[in-house]
Amino acid sequence: MRQFFSSKPNRLWMILSGFFVTNALVAEFMGVKLFSLEKTFGFDPVNWSFMGVDNLSFTLTAGVLLWPAVFIMTDIINEYYGPRGVRFLSYLTAGLIAYGFTMLFFALQLEPADFWRTAHIKSYWSVEQQEAMRMQVGDYNAAYSVVFGQSLWIIVGSLVAFLVGQVVDVGIFHAIKAKTGEGRIWLRSTGSTLVSQFLDSFVVVFIALYIGQGLPFLQVLAISIMNYFYKGSMALLLTPIIYAVHHAIEWYLGAELATEMKNAAQQAA
């Protein structure tokens, strides 16, 4: 056991996979909150018109705070552990997300304590803010149920989109690397993310809103494009971070071991 933990590749795998799974799980549960990107930064909503749909703006899920980290971890794990490593983690994570939502379903069925429904919960908020929130919420159990009682179609859409995006990312990443070699990290990492997030953006919105809620096709398509515009922009902006993580891992592993792991990962693609 000591030999297992003393191995640098094993320790790196545990760190990367732990970060990957944690970010994906937390992002799913955070994603129940929708926010306005423009208002968060103090701007008015863009209110664009597209494909005959008016008043489109960047309304995103809070999960976008963490999904970029999942994108980065996908490419890093792909680089050093190959497609089998990414697929294993993707299937494991999807199973854990489904498990988490199942446990949450049972939690929603629990009968709340009477005093908790209107209790004053101490937090980092001021007393005045707590009182204002309590008056707005009224019943904490009702709020809990509304926030976490997601539609089944949203859960299904999210899981399907996650798996489709991960599988496509793996294939494109190694296809680009096979043609370009060790150079052009930005091309294989950012390129695979741009394509996989294109599919992710459309799959989750179509399943959740078109199939699940019956929204008009053009409206769903316009919303998907707005979401992808944000995700694509983030993929481009995160490119320097990918290089920084690569540099840190190369330093930790050493040039010889890092090259050996990358060659093995590419051969297994």
Protein backbone atom coordinates (compact mmCIF):
# COMPACT_ATOMS: atom_id res chain seq x y z
CA MET A 1 0.00 0.00 0.00
CA ARG A 2 2.85 2.37 0.86
CA GLN A 3 4.39 1.67 -2.54
CA PHE A 4 1.08 2.58 -4.21
CA PHE A 5 0.92 5.99 -2.53
CA SER A 6 4.60 6.69 -3.11
CA SER A 7 4.14 6.42 -6.88
CA LYS A 8 3.93 9.85 -8.49
CA PRO A 9 1.56 8.73 -11.28
CA ASN A 10 -0.78 7.20 -8.68
CA ARG A 11 -0.76 10.30 -6.49
CA LEU A 12 -1.34 12.53 -9.51
CA TRP A 13 -4.25 10.31 -10.60
CA MET A 14 -5.87 10.59 -7.17
CA ILE A 15 -5.51 14.38 -7.12
CA LEU A 16 -6.81 14.90 -10.65
CA SER A 17 -9.66 12.40 -10.38
CA GLY A 18 -10.71 13.71 -6.96
CA PHE A 19 -10.80 17.26 -8.30
CA PHE A 20 -12.67 16.11 -11.42
CA VAL A 21 -15.39 14.20 -9.55
CA THR A 22 -15.82 16.84 -6.85
CA ASN A 23 -16.22 19.70 -9.31
CA ALA A 24 -18.70 17.78 -11.46
CA LEU A 25 -20.81 16.73 -8.46
CA VAL A 26 -20.88 20.16 -6.85
CA ALA A 27 -21.57 21.84 -10.21
CA GLU A 28 -24.67 19.67 -10.68
CA PHE A 29 -26.12 20.66 -7.31
CA MET A 30 -25.11 24.31 -7.67
CA GLY A 31 -26.72 24.34 -11.11
CA VAL A 32 -30.23 24.67 -9.68
CA LYS A 33 -29.58 28.40 -9.38
CA LEU A 34 -29.92 30.52 -12.51
CA PHE A 35 -28.20 33.89 -12.63
CA SER A 36 -27.81 36.84 -14.95
CA LEU A 37 -24.22 37.15 -16.12
CA GLU A 38 -24.69 40.79 -17.15
CA LYS A 39 -26.31 41.91 -13.89
CA THR A 40 -23.66 40.08 -11.85
CA PHE A 41 -21.06 42.40 -13.38
CA GLY A 42 -23.29 45.47 -13.10
CA PHE A 43 -24.50 45.67 -16.72
CA ASP A 44 -27.97 45.64 -18.23
CA PRO A 45 -29.02 42.40 -19.99
CA VAL A 46 -28.00 42.40 -23.65
CA ASN A 47 -31.57 41.56 -24.79
CA TRP A 48 -30.47 40.28 -28.18
CA SER A 49 -32.87 39.07 -30.85
CA PHE A 50 -31.91 35.88 -32.63
CA MET A 51 -33.79 33.52 -34.93
CA GLY A 52 -37.01 35.39 -34.24
CA VAL A 53 -36.61 35.07 -30.46
CA ASP A 54 -36.44 38.38 -28.56
CA ASN A 55 -34.97 39.39 -25.20
CA LEU A 56 -32.18 36.79 -25.16
CA SER A 57 -29.54 37.36 -22.51
CA PHE A 58 -26.89 35.37 -20.68
CA THR A 59 -28.98 33.52 -18.12
CA LEU A 60 -26.73 30.72 -16.89
CA THR A 61 -26.65 28.10 -14.17
CA ALA A 62 -24.37 28.61 -11.17
CA GLY A 63 -22.65 25.38 -12.23
CA VAL A 64 -20.67 27.35 -14.83
CA LEU A 65 -18.41 28.45 -11.97
CA LEU A 66 -17.07 24.89 -11.73
CA TRP A 67 -17.57 23.27 -15.13
CA PRO A 68 -14.50 25.02 -16.61
CA ALA A 69 -12.40 23.14 -14.05
CA VAL A 70 -13.97 19.88 -15.27
CA PHE A 71 -13.05 20.81 -18.87
CA ILE A 72 -9.43 21.39 -17.84
CA MET A 73 -9.24 18.17 -15.81
CA THR A 74 -10.69 16.21 -18.75
CA ASP A 75 -7.89 17.34 -21.05
CA ILE A 76 -5.15 16.91 -18.45
CA ILE A 77 -6.28 13.37 -17.57
CA ASN A 78 -6.61 12.62 -21.28
CA GLU A 79 -3.04 13.80 -21.82
CA TYR A 80 -1.42 11.63 -19.15
CA TYR A 81 -3.81 8.69 -18.63
CA GLY A 82 -5.48 8.34 -22.01
CA PRO A 83 -9.09 7.80 -23.08
CA ARG A 84 -9.62 4.85 -20.72
CA GLY A 85 -8.88 7.09 -17.76
CA VAL A 86 -11.31 9.79 -18.88
CA ARG A 87 -14.06 7.33 -19.76
CA PHE A 88 -13.70 5.54 -16.43
CA LEU A 89 -13.97 8.80 -14.51
CA SER A 90 -16.85 10.03 -16.68
CA TYR A 91 -18.94 6.90 -16.11
CA LEU A 92 -18.04 6.89 -12.41
CA THR A 93 -18.99 10.55 -12.07
CA ALA A 94 -22.28 10.08 -13.92
CA GLY A 95 -23.11 7.20 -11.58
CA LEU A 96 -22.24 9.28 -8.52
CA ILE A 97 -24.36 12.19 -9.78
CA ALA A 98 -27.31 9.82 -10.26
CA TYR A 99 -26.67 8.40 -6.79
CA GLY A 100 -26.55 11.91 -5.33
CA PHE A 101 -29.86 12.91 -6.90
CA THR A 102 -31.42 9.63 -5.69
CA MET A 103 -30.35 10.36 -2.12
CA LEU A 104 -31.63 13.92 -2.49
CA PHE A 105 -34.99 12.54 -3.62
CA PHE A 106 -35.25 10.56 -0.38
CA ALA A 107 -34.14 13.61 1.62
CA LEU A 108 -37.03 15.57 0.11
CA GLN A 109 -39.45 12.96 1.47
CA LEU A 110 -38.27 13.38 5.08
CA GLU A 111 -40.71 15.10 7.42
CA PRO A 112 -39.08 18.34 8.62
CA ALA A 113 -38.81 19.32 12.27
CA ASP A 114 -41.45 21.93 13.08
CA PHE A 115 -39.02 24.45 14.56
CA TRP A 116 -36.71 24.24 11.52
CA ARG A 117 -39.36 25.53 9.11
CA THR A 118 -39.04 29.09 10.44
CA ALA A 119 -35.85 28.89 12.50
CA HIS A 120 -33.31 31.69 12.61
CA ILE A 121 -30.26 30.05 11.04
CA LYS A 122 -26.95 31.65 11.93
CA SER A 123 -24.73 32.32 8.96
CA TYR A 124 -22.31 34.88 7.57
CA TRP A 125 -25.31 37.08 6.75
CA SER A 126 -26.08 39.97 9.07
CA VAL A 127 -29.06 39.69 11.44
CA GLU A 128 -31.03 42.10 9.25
CA GLN A 129 -30.26 40.08 6.11
CA GLN A 130 -31.22 36.83 7.84
CA GLU A 131 -34.53 38.30 8.95
CA ALA A 132 -35.24 39.64 5.45
CA MET A 133 -34.52 36.24 3.91
CA ARG A 134 -36.63 34.47 6.52
CA MET A 135 -39.57 36.75 5.75
CA GLN A 136 -39.15 36.14 2.02
CA VAL A 137 -38.77 32.38 2.31
CA GLY A 138 -41.32 31.80 5.04
CA ASP A 139 -40.98 28.00 5.13
CA TYR A 140 -37.46 26.61 4.87
CA ASN A 141 -38.72 23.15 3.96
CA ALA A 142 -40.76 24.52 1.06
CA ALA A 143 -37.74 26.47 -0.15
CA TYR A 144 -35.54 23.37 0.16
CA SER A 145 -38.01 21.36 -1.91
CA VAL A 146 -38.33 24.06 -4.58
CA VAL A 147 -34.56 24.54 -4.91
CA PHE A 148 -33.51 20.89 -4.97
CA GLY A 149 -36.65 19.31 -6.41
CA GLN A 150 -35.40 19.56 -9.97
CA SER A 151 -37.35 18.31 -12.94
CA LEU A 152 -36.49 14.77 -13.98
CA TRP A 153 -35.82 16.00 -17.52
CA ILE A 154 -33.21 18.48 -16.27
CA ILE A 155 -31.38 15.68 -14.46
CA VAL A 156 -31.58 13.33 -17.45
CA GLY A 157 -30.49 16.09 -19.85
CA SER A 158 -27.55 17.03 -17.68
CA LEU A 159 -26.30 13.44 -17.34
CA VAL A 160 -26.70 12.63 -21.03
CA ALA A 161 -25.01 15.88 -22.08
CA PHE A 162 -22.12 15.26 -19.67
CA LEU A 163 -21.45 11.75 -21.01
CA VAL A 164 -21.81 12.74 -24.67
CA GLY A 165 -19.49 15.71 -24.19
CA GLN A 166 -16.85 13.64 -22.41
CA VAL A 167 -16.81 10.82 -24.98
CA VAL A 168 -16.57 13.27 -27.89
CA ASP A 169 -13.86 15.29 -26.11
CA VAL A 170 -11.71 12.17 -25.71
CA GLY A 171 -11.92 11.22 -29.39
CA ILE A 172 -11.22 14.68 -30.79
CA PHE A 173 -8.37 15.32 -28.33
CA HIS A 174 -6.42 12.24 -29.42
CA ALA A 175 -7.27 12.67 -33.09
CA ILE A 176 -5.72 16.15 -33.04
CA LYS A 177 -2.72 14.98 -31.03
CA ALA A 178 -2.09 12.12 -33.47
CA LYS A 179 -1.74 14.66 -36.27
CA THR A 180 0.10 17.46 -34.44
CA GLY A 181 2.29 15.56 -31.98
CA GLU A 182 3.36 16.96 -28.61
CA GLY A 183 3.12 20.58 -29.69
CA ARG A 184 0.03 22.76 -29.99
CA ILE A 185 -1.48 21.90 -26.64
CA TRP A 186 -3.89 24.79 -27.15
CA LEU A 187 -5.27 23.21 -30.33
CA ARG A 188 -6.09 19.77 -28.92
CA SER A 189 -7.27 21.03 -25.52
CA THR A 190 -9.28 24.07 -26.60
CA GLY A 191 -10.40 22.48 -29.89
CA SER A 192 -11.79 19.33 -28.24
CA THR A 193 -13.50 21.43 -25.56
CA LEU A 194 -15.13 23.72 -28.12
CA VAL A 195 -16.64 20.78 -29.98
CA SER A 196 -17.68 18.79 -26.89
CA GLN A 197 -19.27 21.85 -25.26
CA PHE A 198 -21.14 22.60 -28.47
CA LEU A 199 -22.84 19.22 -28.12
CA ASP A 200 -23.22 19.57 -24.35
CA SER A 201 -24.95 22.95 -24.68
CA PHE A 202 -27.49 21.70 -27.19
CA VAL A 203 -28.17 18.26 -25.68
CA VAL A 204 -28.95 19.47 -22.15
CA VAL A 205 -31.17 22.35 -23.30
CA PHE A 206 -33.08 20.25 -25.84
CA ILE A 207 -33.76 17.43 -23.39
CA ALA A 208 -34.64 19.71 -20.47
CA LEU A 209 -36.59 22.43 -22.28
CA TYR A 210 -37.77 21.02 -25.62
CA ILE A 211 -38.63 17.46 -24.55
CA GLY A 212 -39.22 18.15 -20.86
CA GLN A 213 -41.07 21.47 -20.98
CA GLY A 214 -42.23 21.65 -24.59
CA LEU A 215 -40.77 25.07 -25.40
CA PRO A 216 -40.79 26.09 -29.09
CA PHE A 217 -37.92 24.66 -31.14
CA LEU A 218 -36.52 28.04 -32.23
CA GLN A 219 -36.55 29.37 -28.67
CA VAL A 220 -34.69 26.32 -27.41
CA LEU A 221 -32.20 26.61 -30.28
CA ALA A 222 -31.60 30.30 -29.53
CA ILE A 223 -31.07 29.57 -25.81
CA SER A 224 -28.62 26.79 -26.69
CA ILE A 225 -26.59 29.11 -28.90
CA MET A 226 -26.41 31.75 -26.14
CA ASN A 227 -25.18 29.12 -23.68
CA TYR A 228 -22.57 27.86 -26.12
CA PHE A 229 -21.37 31.39 -26.80
CA TYR A 230 -20.49 31.68 -23.11
CA LYS A 231 -18.92 28.21 -22.85
CA GLY A 232 -16.90 28.71 -26.02
CA SER A 233 -15.60 32.04 -24.74
CA MET A 234 -14.60 30.42 -21.44
CA ALA A 235 -12.77 27.61 -23.27
CA LEU A 236 -10.66 30.20 -25.11
CA LEU A 237 -9.99 32.28 -21.99
CA LEU A 238 -8.88 29.21 -20.01
CA THR A 239 -6.18 28.20 -22.50
CA PRO A 240 -3.34 29.83 -20.49
CA ILE A 241 -4.45 27.91 -17.38
CA ILE A 242 -4.14 24.63 -19.28
CA TYR A 243 -0.51 25.50 -20.07
CA ALA A 244 0.11 26.40 -16.43
CA VAL A 245 -1.29 23.06 -15.20
CA HIS A 246 0.77 21.19 -17.80
CA HIS A 247 3.91 22.99 -16.63
CA ALA A 248 3.19 22.15 -12.97
CA ILE A 249 2.62 18.46 -13.76
CA GLU A 250 5.77 18.24 -15.91
CA TRP A 251 7.73 19.74 -13.02
CA TYR A 252 6.20 17.29 -10.54
CA LEU A 253 6.68 14.16 -12.66
CA GLY A 254 9.93 15.07 -14.31
CA ALA A 255 10.46 15.22 -18.05
CA GLU A 256 11.28 11.52 -18.52
CA LEU A 257 8.29 10.13 -16.60
CA ALA A 258 5.91 12.72 -18.08
CA THR A 259 6.97 11.78 -21.62
CA GLU A 260 6.60 8.08 -20.85
CA MET A 261 3.06 8.58 -19.52
CA LYS A 262 1.99 10.75 -22.46
CA ASN A 263 3.33 8.23 -24.98
CA ALA A 264 1.49 5.40 -23.25
CA ALA A 265 -1.71 7.46 -23.15
CA GLN A 266 -1.50 8.22 -26.87
CA GLN A 267 -0.81 4.59 -27.78
CA ALA A 268 -3.88 3.52 -25.81
CA ALA A 269 -6.11 5.97 -27.71
